Amino acid sequence: MSDATERIPTYITGLDEQMQGGIPKGHLCLLAGSSGSMKSSLGFAMLYNAVLEGRTSGIYVTLEQSKESLAGHMANMGMNVDDPRVRSNIAIIDLADLRVQLHEAGTADQVNWMSQLIKQLTNYRESIGFEVLVFDSLGAFFTLTQMENPRDETFRFFEACRRLGLTTFIICEMMGEMKNQFGEFGIEDYLSDGVLHLTMERVGDQINRKIAVVKMRHTNHTLGYHPLQWDSTAGKFTVR
């Protein structure tokens, strides 16, 4: 259940101040945008900084990159993934690697992937007590698992995250033609509590990244798109 009285900052300097301090605890939010808009970086950075401040612990589920590739990418951005607080409070789970192992064993087609995913998250929740989930990404999960009814399974997944009491960030890829649809299946934004939209705009030879809070339940927030930049020294994003 969401709790608007307790919030987890986005750690985007200049944005949290415009949305009552951050994301209400227990919300399920989409990080939506096209390839290259830094969705994965934002998801990890939010969890990383929350852990450094001692606010929470979490799991980052990756299907787009291997565990080693993700950790290396974040380290190159200036986030110290070897910090003891990070190593003990952030678990990176590589579902793509699990898929390959099951495929090589000839059992991949026999797995109910959504049931297995929910079971694993439940086990992690009970055993290590993590509070934040970053899922990267929903589209990749359905591509790898080839489910017959992604819309029903999306609803099932979202509700499972809520029942587990997680603050959840789900990364959703947006194609060029999906201007007003913040997910591949057209229901993700409706089912979610919040939507952060990351864009890339070309101005001459320059590419400018921007972010907007499109939706955030139980929150008074600013509207409009803000230039988004990464500050490697601070290990945080900033908006202007």
Protein backbone atom coordinates (compact mmCIF):
# COMPACT_ATOMS: atom_id res chain seq x y z
CA MET A 1 0.00 0.00 0.00
CA SER A 2 1.28 3.45 -0.93
CA ASP A 3 2.14 5.90 1.85
CA ALA A 4 2.20 9.53 0.74
CA THR A 5 3.48 10.64 4.16
CA GLU A 6 6.81 8.89 3.54
CA ARG A 7 8.73 9.53 0.34
CA ILE A 8 11.80 8.23 -1.44
CA PRO A 9 13.64 11.03 -3.27
CA THR A 10 14.44 10.68 -6.96
CA TYR A 11 17.77 12.36 -6.12
CA ILE A 12 17.30 14.48 -9.22
CA THR A 13 18.52 17.82 -7.91
CA GLY A 14 15.88 20.45 -8.65
CA LEU A 15 13.07 17.97 -9.29
CA ASP A 16 12.32 16.56 -5.84
CA GLU A 17 11.69 20.10 -4.65
CA GLN A 18 8.91 20.33 -7.23
CA MET A 19 7.14 17.11 -6.23
CA GLN A 20 6.83 17.30 -2.45
CA GLY A 21 10.16 15.60 -1.83
CA GLY A 22 9.97 12.54 -4.05
CA ILE A 23 8.05 9.34 -4.76
CA PRO A 24 5.48 8.21 -2.16
CA LYS A 25 6.64 4.99 -0.54
CA GLY A 26 4.84 1.99 -2.02
CA HIS A 27 4.16 3.66 -5.38
CA LEU A 28 4.66 1.78 -8.63
CA CYS A 29 6.23 4.14 -11.17
CA LEU A 30 7.20 3.86 -14.81
CA LEU A 31 10.51 5.19 -16.09
CA ALA A 32 9.49 5.58 -19.72
CA GLY A 33 11.51 6.75 -22.69
CA SER A 34 13.31 5.86 -25.87
CA SER A 35 16.61 4.01 -26.10
CA GLY A 36 19.49 6.15 -24.83
CA SER A 37 17.37 8.42 -22.63
CA MET A 38 19.16 7.06 -19.49
CA LYS A 39 16.22 5.18 -17.99
CA SER A 40 18.43 2.42 -16.56
CA SER A 41 20.92 4.95 -15.22
CA LEU A 42 18.15 6.90 -13.51
CA GLY A 43 16.63 3.77 -11.98
CA PHE A 44 19.95 2.61 -10.58
CA ALA A 45 20.94 6.10 -9.41
CA MET A 46 17.73 6.51 -7.42
CA LEU A 47 18.26 3.19 -5.66
CA TYR A 48 22.00 3.81 -5.23
CA ASN A 49 21.57 7.19 -3.54
CA ALA A 50 18.70 6.00 -1.34
CA VAL A 51 20.93 3.16 -0.11
CA LEU A 52 23.86 5.51 0.56
CA GLU A 53 21.58 7.66 2.71
CA GLY A 54 20.41 4.60 4.62
CA ARG A 55 16.82 5.01 3.51
CA THR A 56 16.24 1.59 2.00
CA SER A 57 17.57 -1.58 0.37
CA GLY A 58 16.63 -2.92 -3.01
CA ILE A 59 16.90 -5.26 -5.95
CA TYR A 60 17.74 -4.31 -9.51
CA VAL A 61 16.41 -6.91 -11.96
CA THR A 62 18.15 -6.67 -15.32
CA LEU A 63 17.32 -8.28 -18.64
CA GLU A 64 18.95 -5.70 -20.90
CA GLN A 65 22.51 -6.11 -19.58
CA SER A 66 24.46 -8.70 -17.68
CA LYS A 67 25.08 -8.10 -13.99
CA GLU A 68 28.74 -7.34 -14.68
CA SER A 69 27.95 -4.98 -17.55
CA LEU A 70 25.42 -3.04 -15.50
CA ALA A 71 27.78 -2.69 -12.53
CA GLY A 72 30.60 -1.60 -14.84
CA HIS A 73 28.41 0.97 -16.57
CA MET A 74 27.30 2.50 -13.27
CA ALA A 75 30.89 2.54 -11.99
CA ASN A 76 31.96 4.41 -15.14
CA MET A 77 29.31 7.01 -14.32
CA GLY A 78 30.97 7.60 -10.96
CA MET A 79 28.78 5.44 -8.74
CA ASN A 80 30.91 3.37 -6.38
CA VAL A 81 29.29 -0.05 -6.69
CA ASP A 82 32.02 -1.51 -4.46
CA ASP A 83 30.99 0.64 -1.50
CA PRO A 84 30.13 -1.80 1.33
CA ARG A 85 26.75 -0.13 1.82
CA VAL A 86 25.93 -0.70 -1.84
CA ARG A 87 27.17 -4.28 -1.96
CA SER A 88 25.18 -5.24 1.14
CA ASN A 89 21.97 -3.38 0.25
CA ILE A 90 21.61 -3.68 -3.54
CA ALA A 91 21.23 -7.08 -5.19
CA ILE A 92 21.51 -7.21 -8.98
CA ILE A 93 19.51 -10.11 -10.43
CA ASP A 94 20.22 -11.16 -14.02
CA LEU A 95 17.10 -12.87 -15.41
CA ALA A 96 18.58 -13.05 -18.90
CA ASP A 97 21.32 -15.33 -17.59
CA LEU A 98 18.69 -17.53 -15.94
CA ARG A 99 16.79 -17.75 -19.22
CA VAL A 100 19.94 -18.90 -21.05
CA GLN A 101 20.65 -21.55 -18.41
CA LEU A 102 17.12 -22.93 -18.61
CA HIS A 103 17.20 -22.88 -22.40
CA GLU A 104 20.45 -24.85 -22.44
CA ALA A 105 18.90 -27.32 -20.02
CA GLY A 106 15.87 -27.67 -22.32
CA THR A 107 13.40 -26.51 -19.65
CA ALA A 108 12.77 -22.87 -20.64
CA ASP A 109 9.48 -23.65 -22.41
CA GLN A 110 8.16 -25.40 -19.31
CA VAL A 111 8.54 -22.39 -17.01
CA ASN A 112 5.61 -20.16 -16.06
CA TRP A 113 7.76 -17.05 -16.09
CA MET A 114 5.39 -14.68 -14.35
CA SER A 115 4.69 -17.14 -11.55
CA GLN A 116 8.42 -17.81 -11.21
CA LEU A 117 9.22 -14.10 -11.13
CA ILE A 118 6.63 -13.35 -8.46
CA LYS A 119 7.77 -16.36 -6.45
CA GLN A 120 11.40 -15.22 -6.56
CA LEU A 121 10.51 -11.65 -5.57
CA THR A 122 8.41 -12.97 -2.69
CA ASN A 123 11.30 -15.16 -1.52
CA TYR A 124 13.73 -12.23 -1.68
CA ARG A 125 11.26 -9.99 0.14
CA GLU A 126 10.91 -12.49 2.96
CA SER A 127 14.59 -13.47 3.19
CA ILE A 128 16.42 -10.15 2.80
CA GLY A 129 13.59 -7.68 3.36
CA PHE A 130 14.31 -5.39 0.41
CA GLU A 131 11.95 -2.47 -0.10
CA VAL A 132 12.66 -1.06 -3.57
CA LEU A 133 12.47 -2.91 -6.89
CA VAL A 134 13.89 -1.60 -10.17
CA PHE A 135 12.77 -3.80 -13.08
CA ASP A 136 14.70 -3.35 -16.34
CA SER A 137 12.68 -3.76 -18.45
CA LEU A 138 9.06 -4.85 -18.87
CA GLY A 139 9.25 -5.12 -22.65
CA ALA A 140 12.42 -7.23 -22.51
CA PHE A 141 10.78 -9.57 -20.00
CA PHE A 142 7.83 -10.27 -22.29
CA THR A 143 10.11 -10.62 -25.32
CA LEU A 144 12.24 -13.24 -23.57
CA THR A 145 9.32 -15.11 -22.06
CA GLN A 146 6.93 -14.91 -25.06
CA MET A 147 3.75 -14.77 -22.99
CA GLU A 148 0.42 -15.07 -24.79
CA ASN A 149 -1.39 -12.30 -22.91
CA PRO A 150 1.06 -9.59 -21.79
CA ARG A 151 -1.73 -7.22 -20.71
CA ASP A 152 -3.16 -9.65 -18.18
CA GLU A 153 0.32 -10.58 -16.99
CA THR A 154 1.25 -6.90 -16.61
CA PHE A 155 -1.74 -6.39 -14.32
CA ARG A 156 -0.76 -9.51 -12.37
CA PHE A 157 2.84 -8.34 -11.97
CA PHE A 158 1.88 -4.82 -10.88
CA GLU A 159 -0.56 -6.12 -8.28
CA ALA A 160 2.02 -8.59 -6.94
CA CYS A 161 4.50 -5.73 -6.41
CA ARG A 162 1.84 -3.77 -4.53
CA ARG A 163 0.89 -6.74 -2.35
CA LEU A 164 4.56 -7.16 -1.44
CA GLY A 165 4.63 -3.55 -0.26
CA LEU A 166 7.40 -2.57 -2.66
CA THR A 167 8.27 0.83 -4.06
CA THR A 168 8.68 -0.21 -7.68
CA PHE A 169 10.31 1.44 -10.68
CA ILE A 170 9.54 -0.30 -13.97
CA ILE A 171 11.52 0.68 -17.03
CA CYS A 172 9.46 0.87 -20.21
CA GLU A 173 10.84 1.35 -23.70
CA MET A 174 8.99 3.81 -25.92
CA MET A 175 9.20 3.53 -29.68
CA GLY A 176 9.23 6.58 -31.92
CA GLU A 177 5.55 6.39 -32.79
CA MET A 178 4.39 5.96 -29.18
CA LYS A 179 3.98 9.67 -28.43
CA ASN A 180 1.25 9.42 -25.80
CA GLN A 181 1.66 5.79 -24.74
CA PHE A 182 4.16 5.21 -21.96
CA GLY A 183 4.46 1.47 -22.42
CA GLU A 184 4.33 -1.16 -25.11
CA PHE A 185 0.92 -2.57 -24.26
CA GLY A 186 -1.08 0.61 -23.66
CA ILE A 187 -2.10 -0.11 -20.06
CA GLU A 188 1.10 0.37 -18.10
CA ASP A 189 0.57 4.09 -17.45
CA TYR A 190 -3.06 3.51 -16.46
CA LEU A 191 -2.12 0.82 -13.95
CA SER A 192 0.84 2.70 -12.50
CA ASP A 193 0.89 5.29 -9.72
CA GLY A 194 3.41 7.50 -11.47
CA VAL A 195 5.14 8.12 -14.79
CA LEU A 196 8.52 9.79 -15.29
CA HIS A 197 9.05 10.44 -19.00
CA LEU A 198 12.59 10.81 -20.31
CA THR A 199 13.08 12.29 -23.77
CA MET A 200 15.90 13.00 -26.22
CA GLU A 201 15.63 16.05 -28.44
CA ARG A 202 17.94 16.91 -31.30
CA VAL A 203 18.82 20.57 -31.74
CA GLY A 204 21.23 20.93 -34.64
CA ASP A 205 24.15 18.64 -33.82
CA GLN A 206 23.28 18.47 -30.13
CA ILE A 207 21.18 15.88 -28.27
CA ASN A 208 19.39 17.23 -25.21
CA ARG A 209 17.84 14.96 -22.59
CA LYS A 210 14.75 16.08 -20.68
CA ILE A 211 12.46 14.68 -18.01
CA ALA A 212 8.86 15.30 -16.99
CA VAL A 213 6.64 14.08 -14.17
CA VAL A 214 3.66 13.08 -16.29
CA LYS A 215 1.76 11.48 -13.43
CA MET A 216 2.28 11.01 -9.69
CA ARG A 217 -0.64 10.06 -7.49
CA HIS A 218 -0.97 11.72 -4.07
CA THR A 219 1.53 14.37 -5.13
CA ASN A 220 1.42 18.02 -6.13
CA HIS A 221 4.05 18.21 -8.84
CA THR A 222 5.28 20.52 -11.53
CA LEU A 223 4.28 19.99 -15.15
CA GLY A 224 6.49 20.42 -18.17
CA TYR A 225 9.84 19.06 -19.34
CA HIS A 226 13.13 19.96 -17.68
CA PRO A 227 16.66 19.60 -19.12
CA LEU A 228 18.29 16.57 -17.50
CA GLN A 229 22.02 16.23 -16.86
CA TRP A 230 24.25 13.80 -15.00
CA ASP A 231 26.65 15.16 -12.40
CA SER A 232 29.34 12.49 -12.05
CA THR A 233 30.99 14.32 -9.16
CA ALA A 234 27.83 14.28 -7.06
CA GLY A 235 26.61 10.96 -8.45
CA LYS A 236 23.20 12.47 -9.16
CA PHE A 237 21.06 13.85 -11.96
CA THR A 238 20.14 17.51 -12.04
CA VAL A 239 17.40 19.48 -13.81
CA ARG A 240 17.23 23.12 -14.77
